[in-house]
Amino acid sequence: MSGIPDTLIKIRSGVSEVEEISQIEQDILSLYPAASARRHFRLTDVLELDGRKFVRLTTMAGSLHLWLRRSVRLKVFRRPILSARDKDVGQYEYLS
């Protein structure tokens, strides 16, 4: 097992993908105080699963994957995500 987490963030339907991905990036950045060091991440690979579109979070900071999971549970990050603790295993948990 690789142990590399994977996070897919839901893209709303009926909205431009480019605008939506830009908004998702802003939503992630808003989780951090202005004075803190920003996390380095990219949003890549638009995927369609079960008729819903998701964008993949790519980052070397495993803590960002965990932070998003926690933020969704605490209703701070208000976007549904699919999260896997190990990308290679691919057992995703849907959080909203």
Protein backbone atom coordinates (compact mmCIF):
# COMPACT_ATOMS: atom_id res chain seq x y z
CA MET A 1 0.00 0.00 0.00
CA SER A 2 1.20 3.46 -0.85
CA GLY A 3 -0.44 5.27 2.04
CA ILE A 4 -1.03 8.31 -0.18
CA PRO A 5 -4.44 9.86 0.55
CA ASP A 6 -6.78 10.94 -2.24
CA THR A 7 -9.45 13.63 -2.13
CA LEU A 8 -12.03 14.36 -4.82
CA ILE A 9 -14.10 17.55 -4.46
CA LYS A 10 -17.56 17.71 -6.03
CA ILE A 11 -18.15 20.16 -8.87
CA ARG A 12 -21.67 21.61 -8.94
CA SER A 13 -23.64 20.90 -12.08
CA GLY A 14 -24.85 23.78 -14.22
CA VAL A 15 -21.78 25.90 -13.44
CA SER A 16 -18.74 26.50 -15.66
CA GLU A 17 -16.03 23.97 -14.71
CA VAL A 18 -13.32 26.63 -14.90
CA GLU A 19 -15.23 28.99 -12.60
CA GLU A 20 -16.15 26.18 -10.24
CA ILE A 21 -12.56 24.91 -9.94
CA SER A 22 -11.38 28.46 -9.29
CA GLN A 23 -14.02 28.82 -6.55
CA ILE A 24 -13.01 25.48 -4.99
CA GLU A 25 -9.41 26.74 -4.85
CA GLN A 26 -10.57 29.92 -3.08
CA ASP A 27 -12.69 27.85 -0.66
CA ILE A 28 -9.64 25.77 0.29
CA LEU A 29 -7.45 28.85 0.71
CA SER A 30 -10.09 30.48 2.93
CA LEU A 31 -9.60 27.68 5.48
CA TYR A 32 -6.24 29.21 6.45
CA PRO A 33 -5.67 32.48 8.31
CA ALA A 34 -4.21 35.24 6.13
CA ALA A 35 -0.97 35.29 8.13
CA SER A 36 -0.34 31.54 7.85
CA ALA A 37 1.78 29.88 5.22
CA ARG A 38 -0.45 28.79 2.37
CA ARG A 39 -0.53 25.11 1.53
CA HIS A 40 0.78 24.13 -1.88
CA PHE A 41 -1.79 22.19 -3.85
CA ARG A 42 -3.28 21.84 -7.31
CA LEU A 43 -6.69 20.83 -8.52
CA THR A 44 -6.27 18.33 -11.36
CA ASP A 45 -8.14 15.56 -13.16
CA VAL A 46 -11.85 16.23 -13.54
CA LEU A 47 -13.54 12.86 -13.04
CA GLU A 48 -17.12 11.69 -13.43
CA LEU A 49 -18.33 9.10 -10.91
CA ASP A 50 -21.95 7.95 -10.57
CA GLY A 51 -23.12 10.86 -12.73
CA ARG A 52 -21.38 13.48 -10.58
CA LYS A 53 -18.24 15.45 -11.45
CA PHE A 54 -15.28 15.77 -9.11
CA VAL A 55 -11.87 17.44 -9.26
CA ARG A 56 -8.84 15.76 -7.67
CA LEU A 57 -6.79 17.55 -5.00
CA THR A 58 -3.08 17.00 -5.62
CA THR A 59 -0.65 17.92 -2.86
CA MET A 60 2.42 16.59 -1.08
CA ALA A 61 0.89 17.72 2.23
CA GLY A 62 -1.05 14.73 3.51
CA SER A 63 -2.34 16.91 6.31
CA LEU A 64 -4.38 18.96 3.81
CA HIS A 65 -6.36 15.85 2.88
CA LEU A 66 -7.07 15.22 6.56
CA TRP A 67 -7.88 18.89 7.17
CA LEU A 68 -10.47 18.89 4.37
CA ARG A 69 -12.11 15.74 5.79
CA ARG A 70 -12.33 17.38 9.20
CA SER A 71 -13.53 20.70 7.74
CA VAL A 72 -16.38 18.95 5.91
CA ARG A 73 -17.44 17.14 9.10
CA LEU A 74 -17.36 20.43 11.03
CA LYS A 75 -19.36 22.15 8.23
CA VAL A 76 -16.53 24.67 7.68
CA PHE A 77 -15.85 23.43 4.14
CA ARG A 78 -19.28 23.16 2.59
CA ARG A 79 -18.50 21.09 -0.47
CA PRO A 80 -19.05 17.34 -0.66
CA ILE A 81 -15.88 15.28 -1.07
CA LEU A 82 -14.89 11.70 -1.75
CA SER A 83 -11.94 10.76 0.41
CA ALA A 84 -9.68 7.71 0.44
CA ARG A 85 -6.98 7.15 3.02
CA ASP A 86 -4.96 5.21 0.40
CA LYS A 87 -5.17 6.23 -3.26
CA ASP A 88 -4.11 2.76 -4.49
CA VAL A 89 -6.81 0.95 -2.51
CA GLY A 90 -9.47 3.38 -3.70
CA GLN A 91 -12.04 2.79 -0.97
CA TYR A 92 -13.69 6.22 -0.99
CA GLU A 93 -15.87 7.66 1.72
CA TYR A 94 -18.46 10.27 0.68
CA LEU A 95 -18.55 13.22 3.08
CA SER A 96 -20.94 16.16 2.90
